[in-house]
Amino acid sequence: MKHIETIILTIGLFGLLSCQGQQDDRKTFNSTYEVGGVPNISDFQIYNEQEKEFDSFEIQSDNEMDSLFHADTTQRMSEIFRKKDFRNNRSRIFMEFYTNGKLNEKEILSKKSYSTRCECNIYKDTLLITMGIDFFGGIGFNLEIIKDNFDVNFSEYTDDVKPYKSNLNDTAFYNYFHVKSKYQFLVLNDKPSFQTGQQLTGYMTFSSNNFYVQKYDNQLDTNYVTSKLYFTCKTRQETKWDGK
């Protein structure tokens, strides 16, 4: 009888520790995601002013898309595709930038949330969720889900200069960097089916590993970002993907 009680206690303790392994404390690297209620999702479901503007430009039909296919500029085409079906493929990103261990109050993206398009692309056994912002260059988040596991990375690029290093051992500077997460947490409203047409909604928190930026006096700043992101997107099949 005591042996049975010991087994039950052990199983219960293991289950408790497993539950505690998923933590949204910005100090834990969670390799698996949760499925359940998305925290504060009601706030995300209400459009802010930026999202109202994006949605007002939504392309309503494939015929309308076809009529704009021969738009005069590449910029116009990128706007069309970015805003197509925004309601079902969007994200809201909150970010903070840290420089040499201190919050960078001058970083414009630290001031408020930013809304952007979100895509959920299935390729073989992987679901790739991408979100990004174009602002005198750009930033991007790539969320990869394989079975019950996930991983996140963050990238940034600029057009005019080459100030970035992803690693201190890099021998050159680049106009972009790409870093993985140091801490991460993800909850989804539903378990991914890896089938086309599933509407997925989620919440993610993320802290990046360090990246490095050269200043005008050739000194090197050590930087990292923290963020929380809400997103919803409809899965679609990809036949090609550079990441695989």
C-alpha atoms as a PDB file:
ATOM      1  CA  MET A   1       0.000   0.000   0.000  1.00  0.00           C
ATOM      2  CA  LYS A   2       2.807   2.389   0.904  1.00  0.00           C
ATOM      3  CA  HIS A   3       4.513   1.507  -2.386  1.00  0.00           C
ATOM      4  CA  ILE A   4       1.380   2.509  -4.335  1.00  0.00           C
ATOM      5  CA  GLU A   5       1.093   5.762  -2.372  1.00  0.00           C
ATOM      6  CA  THR A   6       4.724   6.551  -3.173  1.00  0.00           C
ATOM      7  CA  ILE A   7       4.104   6.005  -6.901  1.00  0.00           C
ATOM      8  CA  ILE A   8       1.024   8.269  -6.827  1.00  0.00           C
ATOM      9  CA  LEU A   9       2.948  10.972  -4.952  1.00  0.00           C
ATOM     10  CA  THR A  10       5.811  10.747  -7.433  1.00  0.00           C
ATOM     11  CA  ILE A  11       3.471  11.043 -10.422  1.00  0.00           C
ATOM     12  CA  GLY A  12       1.707  14.011  -8.823  1.00  0.00           C
ATOM     13  CA  LEU A  13       4.999  15.757  -8.083  1.00  0.00           C
ATOM     14  CA  PHE A  14       6.192  15.155 -11.647  1.00  0.00           C
ATOM     15  CA  GLY A  15       2.982  16.652 -13.002  1.00  0.00           C
ATOM     16  CA  LEU A  16       3.335  19.694 -10.742  1.00  0.00           C
ATOM     17  CA  LEU A  17       6.918  20.257 -11.859  1.00  0.00           C
ATOM     18  CA  SER A  18       5.881  19.886 -15.505  1.00  0.00           C
ATOM     19  CA  CYS A  19       3.220  22.586 -15.079  1.00  0.00           C
ATOM     20  CA  GLN A  20       5.699  24.856 -13.374  1.00  0.00           C
ATOM     21  CA  GLY A  21       8.118  24.421 -16.286  1.00  0.00           C
ATOM     22  CA  GLN A  22       5.973  26.756 -18.417  1.00  0.00           C
ATOM     23  CA  GLN A  23       6.589  30.227 -17.053  1.00  0.00           C
ATOM     24  CA  ASP A  24       6.028  33.681 -18.472  1.00  0.00           C
ATOM     25  CA  ASP A  25       8.587  35.402 -16.251  1.00  0.00           C
ATOM     26  CA  ARG A  26      11.121  36.670 -18.844  1.00  0.00           C
ATOM     27  CA  LYS A  27      13.701  34.439 -17.104  1.00  0.00           C
ATOM     28  CA  THR A  28      12.757  31.023 -18.497  1.00  0.00           C
ATOM     29  CA  PHE A  29      13.432  29.431 -21.864  1.00  0.00           C
ATOM     30  CA  ASN A  30      10.310  27.381 -22.582  1.00  0.00           C
ATOM     31  CA  SER A  31      10.924  24.953 -25.430  1.00  0.00           C
ATOM     32  CA  THR A  32       7.275  23.825 -25.641  1.00  0.00           C
ATOM     33  CA  TYR A  33       4.148  25.939 -26.021  1.00  0.00           C
ATOM     34  CA  GLU A  34       0.878  25.926 -24.082  1.00  0.00           C
ATOM     35  CA  VAL A  35      -2.623  25.474 -25.509  1.00  0.00           C
ATOM     36  CA  GLY A  36      -5.432  27.301 -23.753  1.00  0.00           C
ATOM     37  CA  GLY A  37      -6.770  30.739 -22.969  1.00  0.00           C
ATOM     38  CA  VAL A  38      -4.739  33.605 -24.419  1.00  0.00           C
ATOM     39  CA  PRO A  39      -4.230  36.225 -21.660  1.00  0.00           C
ATOM     40  CA  ASN A  40      -5.949  39.592 -22.176  1.00  0.00           C
ATOM     41  CA  ILE A  41      -7.068  38.545 -25.649  1.00  0.00           C
ATOM     42  CA  SER A  42     -10.089  40.862 -25.453  1.00  0.00           C
ATOM     43  CA  ASP A  43      -7.762  43.878 -25.702  1.00  0.00           C
ATOM     44  CA  PHE A  44      -6.221  42.498 -28.889  1.00  0.00           C
ATOM     45  CA  GLN A  45      -9.634  41.799 -30.397  1.00  0.00           C
ATOM     46  CA  ILE A  46     -10.495  45.514 -30.239  1.00  0.00           C
ATOM     47  CA  TYR A  47      -8.789  47.500 -33.008  1.00  0.00           C
ATOM     48  CA  ASN A  48      -6.555  50.402 -32.068  1.00  0.00           C
ATOM     49  CA  GLU A  49      -6.389  53.459 -34.353  1.00  0.00           C
ATOM     50  CA  GLN A  50      -3.494  52.101 -36.417  1.00  0.00           C
ATOM     51  CA  GLU A  51      -5.329  48.821 -37.018  1.00  0.00           C
ATOM     52  CA  LYS A  52      -8.517  50.632 -38.039  1.00  0.00           C
ATOM     53  CA  GLU A  53      -6.513  52.444 -40.704  1.00  0.00           C
ATOM     54  CA  PHE A  54      -4.902  49.241 -41.970  1.00  0.00           C
ATOM     55  CA  ASP A  55      -8.231  47.436 -42.118  1.00  0.00           C
ATOM     56  CA  SER A  56      -9.871  50.275 -44.047  1.00  0.00           C
ATOM     57  CA  PHE A  57      -7.436  49.576 -46.912  1.00  0.00           C
ATOM     58  CA  GLU A  58      -8.136  45.847 -46.939  1.00  0.00           C
ATOM     59  CA  ILE A  59      -8.486  44.357 -50.409  1.00  0.00           C
ATOM     60  CA  GLN A  60     -11.973  42.866 -50.515  1.00  0.00           C
ATOM     61  CA  SER A  61     -11.739  40.374 -53.410  1.00  0.00           C
ATOM     62  CA  ASP A  62      -9.381  38.567 -55.757  1.00  0.00           C
ATOM     63  CA  ASN A  63     -10.837  40.570 -58.661  1.00  0.00           C
ATOM     64  CA  GLU A  64      -9.854  43.781 -56.936  1.00  0.00           C
ATOM     65  CA  MET A  65      -6.389  42.344 -56.351  1.00  0.00           C
ATOM     66  CA  ASP A  66      -6.117  41.429 -60.049  1.00  0.00           C
ATOM     67  CA  SER A  67      -7.121  44.929 -61.113  1.00  0.00           C
ATOM     68  CA  LEU A  68      -4.236  46.351 -59.064  1.00  0.00           C
ATOM     69  CA  PHE A  69      -1.685  43.802 -60.198  1.00  0.00           C
ATOM     70  CA  HIS A  70      -0.110  46.207 -62.669  1.00  0.00           C
ATOM     71  CA  ALA A  71       0.312  48.982 -60.117  1.00  0.00           C
ATOM     72  CA  ASP A  72       2.886  51.588 -61.027  1.00  0.00           C
ATOM     73  CA  THR A  73       5.391  51.049 -58.212  1.00  0.00           C
ATOM     74  CA  THR A  74       6.842  48.203 -56.185  1.00  0.00           C
ATOM     75  CA  GLN A  75       5.963  50.129 -53.027  1.00  0.00           C
ATOM     76  CA  ARG A  76       2.306  50.219 -54.062  1.00  0.00           C
ATOM     77  CA  MET A  77       2.323  46.463 -54.659  1.00  0.00           C
ATOM     78  CA  SER A  78       3.901  45.776 -51.269  1.00  0.00           C
ATOM     79  CA  GLU A  79       1.168  47.852 -49.615  1.00  0.00           C
ATOM     80  CA  ILE A  80      -1.528  45.874 -51.411  1.00  0.00           C
ATOM     81  CA  PHE A  81      -0.207  42.498 -50.371  1.00  0.00           C
ATOM     82  CA  ARG A  82       0.586  43.591 -46.823  1.00  0.00           C
ATOM     83  CA  LYS A  83      -2.967  44.773 -46.179  1.00  0.00           C
ATOM     84  CA  LYS A  84      -4.852  41.909 -47.868  1.00  0.00           C
ATOM     85  CA  ASP A  85      -7.116  40.179 -45.314  1.00  0.00           C
ATOM     86  CA  PHE A  86      -5.556  42.140 -42.449  1.00  0.00           C
ATOM     87  CA  ARG A  87      -8.393  41.232 -40.093  1.00  0.00           C
ATOM     88  CA  ASN A  88      -7.417  37.541 -40.088  1.00  0.00           C
ATOM     89  CA  ASN A  89      -3.660  37.995 -40.428  1.00  0.00           C
ATOM     90  CA  ARG A  90      -2.367  40.610 -38.030  1.00  0.00           C
ATOM     91  CA  SER A  91      -0.191  41.127 -34.959  1.00  0.00           C
ATOM     92  CA  ARG A  92       0.370  43.718 -32.264  1.00  0.00           C
ATOM     93  CA  ILE A  93       3.941  44.087 -31.014  1.00  0.00           C
ATOM     94  CA  PHE A  94       5.202  45.737 -27.819  1.00  0.00           C
ATOM     95  CA  MET A  95       8.980  46.158 -27.535  1.00  0.00           C
ATOM     96  CA  GLU A  96      11.692  47.492 -25.267  1.00  0.00           C
ATOM     97  CA  PHE A  97      15.301  47.999 -26.372  1.00  0.00           C
ATOM     98  CA  TYR A  98      18.179  47.752 -23.908  1.00  0.00           C
ATOM     99  CA  THR A  99      21.618  49.262 -24.524  1.00  0.00           C
ATOM    100  CA  ASN A 100      24.541  48.325 -22.280  1.00  0.00           C
ATOM    101  CA  GLY A 101      22.132  46.952 -19.689  1.00  0.00           C
ATOM    102  CA  LYS A 102      19.798  49.976 -19.526  1.00  0.00           C
ATOM    103  CA  LEU A 103      16.420  50.651 -21.128  1.00  0.00           C
ATOM    104  CA  ASN A 104      16.980  52.786 -24.235  1.00  0.00           C
ATOM    105  CA  GLU A 105      14.409  55.567 -23.821  1.00  0.00           C
ATOM    106  CA  LYS A 106      15.461  57.134 -27.147  1.00  0.00           C
ATOM    107  CA  GLU A 107      14.539  54.060 -29.174  1.00  0.00           C
ATOM    108  CA  ILE A 108      11.353  54.975 -31.026  1.00  0.00           C
ATOM    109  CA  LEU A 109       9.990  51.419 -31.054  1.00  0.00           C
ATOM    110  CA  SER A 110      10.044  51.389 -27.244  1.00  0.00           C
ATOM    111  CA  LYS A 111       7.392  54.098 -27.044  1.00  0.00           C
ATOM    112  CA  LYS A 112       4.231  52.213 -27.965  1.00  0.00           C
ATOM    113  CA  SER A 113       2.774  49.157 -29.649  1.00  0.00           C
ATOM    114  CA  TYR A 114       3.020  48.556 -33.376  1.00  0.00           C
ATOM    115  CA  SER A 115       0.579  46.632 -35.530  1.00  0.00           C
ATOM    116  CA  THR A 116       1.584  44.711 -38.605  1.00  0.00           C
ATOM    117  CA  ARG A 117       0.684  41.840 -40.871  1.00  0.00           C
ATOM    118  CA  CYS A 118       1.206  38.263 -39.654  1.00  0.00           C
ATOM    119  CA  GLU A 119       1.636  35.149 -41.783  1.00  0.00           C
ATOM    120  CA  CYS A 120       1.344  31.442 -40.877  1.00  0.00           C
ATOM    121  CA  ASN A 121       3.075  29.292 -43.478  1.00  0.00           C
ATOM    122  CA  ILE A 122       3.241  25.484 -43.373  1.00  0.00           C
ATOM    123  CA  TYR A 123       6.215  23.765 -44.979  1.00  0.00           C
ATOM    124  CA  LYS A 124       6.576  20.011 -44.488  1.00  0.00           C
ATOM    125  CA  ASP A 125       6.611  19.461 -40.693  1.00  0.00           C
ATOM    126  CA  THR A 126       7.110  23.122 -39.732  1.00  0.00           C
ATOM    127  CA  LEU A 127       4.755  26.031 -39.095  1.00  0.00           C
ATOM    128  CA  LEU A 128       6.524  29.369 -39.571  1.00  0.00           C
ATOM    129  CA  ILE A 129       4.782  32.440 -38.124  1.00  0.00           C
ATOM    130  CA  THR A 130       6.305  35.751 -39.217  1.00  0.00           C
ATOM    131  CA  MET A 131       5.675  39.311 -38.051  1.00  0.00           C
ATOM    132  CA  GLY A 132       7.596  42.469 -38.858  1.00  0.00           C
ATOM    133  CA  ILE A 133       7.774  46.251 -39.006  1.00  0.00           C
ATOM    134  CA  ASP A 134       9.242  48.395 -41.800  1.00  0.00           C
ATOM    135  CA  PHE A 135      10.493  51.701 -40.443  1.00  0.00           C
ATOM    136  CA  PHE A 136      13.638  53.185 -42.084  1.00  0.00           C
ATOM    137  CA  GLY A 137      14.805  49.600 -42.389  1.00  0.00           C
ATOM    138  CA  GLY A 138      12.919  46.872 -40.610  1.00  0.00           C
ATOM    139  CA  ILE A 139      12.603  44.363 -37.804  1.00  0.00           C
ATOM    140  CA  GLY A 140      11.152  40.881 -37.865  1.00  0.00           C
ATOM    141  CA  PHE A 141      10.138  37.984 -35.631  1.00  0.00           C
ATOM    142  CA  ASN A 142      10.189  34.396 -36.879  1.00  0.00           C
ATOM    143  CA  LEU A 143       8.371  31.811 -34.772  1.00  0.00           C
ATOM    144  CA  GLU A 144       8.992  28.185 -35.789  1.00  0.00           C
ATOM    145  CA  ILE A 145       6.732  25.404 -34.477  1.00  0.00           C
ATOM    146  CA  ILE A 146       7.558  21.735 -34.943  1.00  0.00           C
ATOM    147  CA  LYS A 147       5.227  19.271 -33.185  1.00  0.00           C
ATOM    148  CA  ASP A 148       5.006  20.530 -29.565  1.00  0.00           C
ATOM    149  CA  ASN A 149       8.202  22.592 -29.679  1.00  0.00           C
ATOM    150  CA  PHE A 150       8.843  26.160 -30.752  1.00  0.00           C
ATOM    151  CA  ASP A 151      11.737  28.549 -31.233  1.00  0.00           C
ATOM    152  CA  VAL A 152      11.916  32.289 -31.901  1.00  0.00           C
ATOM    153  CA  ASN A 153      14.454  34.587 -33.494  1.00  0.00           C
ATOM    154  CA  PHE A 154      14.660  38.335 -34.008  1.00  0.00           C
ATOM    155  CA  SER A 155      16.272  40.266 -36.866  1.00  0.00           C
ATOM    156  CA  GLU A 156      16.796  43.861 -37.884  1.00  0.00           C
ATOM    157  CA  TYR A 157      18.150  45.506 -41.014  1.00  0.00           C
ATOM    158  CA  THR A 158      18.944  48.972 -42.314  1.00  0.00           C
ATOM    159  CA  ASP A 159      19.472  50.126 -45.882  1.00  0.00           C
ATOM    160  CA  ASP A 160      22.215  52.718 -45.664  1.00  0.00           C
ATOM    161  CA  VAL A 161      24.898  51.625 -43.179  1.00  0.00           C
ATOM    162  CA  LYS A 162      26.505  48.472 -41.781  1.00  0.00           C
ATOM    163  CA  PRO A 163      26.625  48.876 -37.990  1.00  0.00           C
ATOM    164  CA  TYR A 164      25.567  45.381 -36.783  1.00  0.00           C
ATOM    165  CA  LYS A 165      27.181  42.254 -35.435  1.00  0.00           C
ATOM    166  CA  SER A 166      25.180  39.232 -34.328  1.00  0.00           C
ATOM    167  CA  ASN A 167      28.258  37.832 -32.594  1.00  0.00           C
ATOM    168  CA  LEU A 168      31.314  39.520 -31.128  1.00  0.00           C
ATOM    169  CA  ASN A 169      33.517  37.060 -33.024  1.00  0.00           C
ATOM    170  CA  ASP A 170      32.220  38.276 -36.383  1.00  0.00           C
ATOM    171  CA  THR A 171      35.067  39.796 -38.378  1.00  0.00           C
ATOM    172  CA  ALA A 172      32.878  42.280 -40.259  1.00  0.00           C
ATOM    173  CA  PHE A 173      29.871  44.518 -39.720  1.00  0.00           C
ATOM    174  CA  TYR A 174      26.631  44.059 -41.642  1.00  0.00           C
ATOM    175  CA  ASN A 175      23.449  45.966 -42.457  1.00  0.00           C
ATOM    176  CA  TYR A 176      21.433  43.297 -40.595  1.00  0.00           C
ATOM    177  CA  PHE A 177      21.636  40.961 -37.616  1.00  0.00           C
ATOM    178  CA  HIS A 178      19.834  37.778 -36.626  1.00  0.00           C
ATOM    179  CA  VAL A 179      19.680  36.497 -33.023  1.00  0.00           C
ATOM    180  CA  LYS A 180      17.826  33.712 -31.252  1.00  0.00           C
ATOM    181  CA  SER A 181      15.806  33.993 -28.066  1.00  0.00           C
ATOM    182  CA  LYS A 182      17.359  33.817 -24.623  1.00  0.00           C
ATOM    183  CA  TYR A 183      13.957  33.480 -22.912  1.00  0.00           C
ATOM    184  CA  GLN A 184      10.623  32.643 -24.540  1.00  0.00           C
ATOM    185  CA  PHE A 185       7.018  31.756 -23.757  1.00  0.00           C
ATOM    186  CA  LEU A 186       4.115  30.953 -26.085  1.00  0.00           C
ATOM    187  CA  VAL A 187       0.433  30.148 -25.620  1.00  0.00           C
ATOM    188  CA  LEU A 188      -1.894  29.279 -28.521  1.00  0.00           C
ATOM    189  CA  ASN A 189      -5.670  29.147 -28.557  1.00  0.00           C
ATOM    190  CA  ASP A 190      -5.569  25.780 -30.335  1.00  0.00           C
ATOM    191  CA  LYS A 191      -3.090  23.018 -31.092  1.00  0.00           C
ATOM    192  CA  PRO A 192      -1.659  23.496 -34.599  1.00  0.00           C
ATOM    193  CA  SER A 193      -3.057  20.967 -37.052  1.00  0.00           C
ATOM    194  CA  PHE A 194      -0.410  21.720 -39.711  1.00  0.00           C
ATOM    195  CA  GLN A 195      -3.284  21.854 -42.185  1.00  0.00           C
ATOM    196  CA  THR A 196      -4.302  24.744 -44.441  1.00  0.00           C
ATOM    197  CA  GLY A 197      -7.055  27.106 -43.252  1.00  0.00           C
ATOM    198  CA  GLN A 198      -6.648  26.884 -39.459  1.00  0.00           C
ATOM    199  CA  GLN A 199      -7.080  30.226 -37.667  1.00  0.00           C
ATOM    200  CA  LEU A 200      -4.453  30.407 -34.918  1.00  0.00           C
ATOM    201  CA  THR A 201      -4.336  33.094 -32.239  1.00  0.00           C
ATOM    202  CA  GLY A 202      -1.529  33.403 -29.743  1.00  0.00           C
ATOM    203  CA  TYR A 203       0.473  35.400 -27.232  1.00  0.00           C
ATOM    204  CA  MET A 204       4.255  35.309 -26.978  1.00  0.00           C
ATOM    205  CA  THR A 205       6.911  36.909 -24.809  1.00  0.00           C
ATOM    206  CA  PHE A 206      10.508  37.039 -25.927  1.00  0.00           C
ATOM    207  CA  SER A 207      13.922  38.237 -24.770  1.00  0.00           C
ATOM    208  CA  SER A 208      16.710  38.132 -27.318  1.00  0.00           C
ATOM    209  CA  ASN A 209      20.332  37.241 -26.986  1.00  0.00           C
ATOM    210  CA  ASN A 210      22.774  40.123 -27.319  1.00  0.00           C
ATOM    211  CA  PHE A 211      23.527  41.862 -30.581  1.00  0.00           C
ATOM    212  CA  TYR A 212      26.080  44.610 -31.155  1.00  0.00           C
ATOM    213  CA  VAL A 213      25.901  48.040 -32.765  1.00  0.00           C
ATOM    214  CA  GLN A 214      28.859  50.208 -33.756  1.00  0.00           C
ATOM    215  CA  LYS A 215      28.569  53.878 -32.770  1.00  0.00           C
ATOM    216  CA  TYR A 216      29.970  56.852 -34.652  1.00  0.00           C
ATOM    217  CA  ASP A 217      33.058  56.903 -32.416  1.00  0.00           C
ATOM    218  CA  ASN A 218      33.670  53.224 -33.291  1.00  0.00           C
ATOM    219  CA  GLN A 219      32.673  52.100 -29.815  1.00  0.00           C
ATOM    220  CA  LEU A 220      30.448  49.024 -29.624  1.00  0.00           C
ATOM    221  CA  ASP A 221      27.115  48.964 -27.797  1.00  0.00           C
ATOM    222  CA  THR A 222      25.731  45.712 -26.428  1.00  0.00           C
ATOM    223  CA  ASN A 223      22.002  45.476 -27.094  1.00  0.00           C
ATOM    224  CA  TYR A 224      19.060  43.161 -26.584  1.00  0.00           C
ATOM    225  CA  VAL A 225      15.288  43.442 -26.907  1.00  0.00           C
ATOM    226  CA  THR A 226      12.318  42.203 -24.931  1.00  0.00           C
ATOM    227  CA  SER A 227       8.849  42.012 -26.392  1.00  0.00           C
ATOM    228  CA  LYS A 228       5.347  40.714 -26.047  1.00  0.00           C
ATOM    229  CA  LEU A 229       3.293  39.942 -29.139  1.00  0.00           C
ATOM    230  CA  TYR A 230      -0.321  39.137 -29.886  1.00  0.00           C
ATOM    231  CA  PHE A 231      -1.103  37.590 -33.254  1.00  0.00           C
ATOM    232  CA  THR A 232      -3.757  35.834 -35.291  1.00  0.00           C
ATOM    233  CA  CYS A 233      -3.306  34.282 -38.723  1.00  0.00           C
ATOM    234  CA  LYS A 234      -4.795  31.718 -41.068  1.00  0.00           C
ATOM    235  CA  THR A 235      -2.460  28.891 -42.045  1.00  0.00           C
ATOM    236  CA  ARG A 236      -1.525  28.368 -45.653  1.00  0.00           C
ATOM    237  CA  GLN A 237       0.700  25.872 -47.489  1.00  0.00           C
ATOM    238  CA  GLU A 238       4.120  26.855 -48.784  1.00  0.00           C
ATOM    239  CA  THR A 239       5.804  24.911 -51.593  1.00  0.00           C
ATOM    240  CA  LYS A 240       9.183  26.611 -51.123  1.00  0.00           C
ATOM    241  CA  TRP A 241      10.941  27.982 -48.082  1.00  0.00           C
ATOM    242  CA  ASP A 242      14.534  29.186 -47.788  1.00  0.00           C
ATOM    243  CA  GLY A 243      14.697  28.112 -44.130  1.00  0.00           C
ATOM    244  CA  LYS A 244      14.551  24.371 -44.899  1.00  0.00           C
END
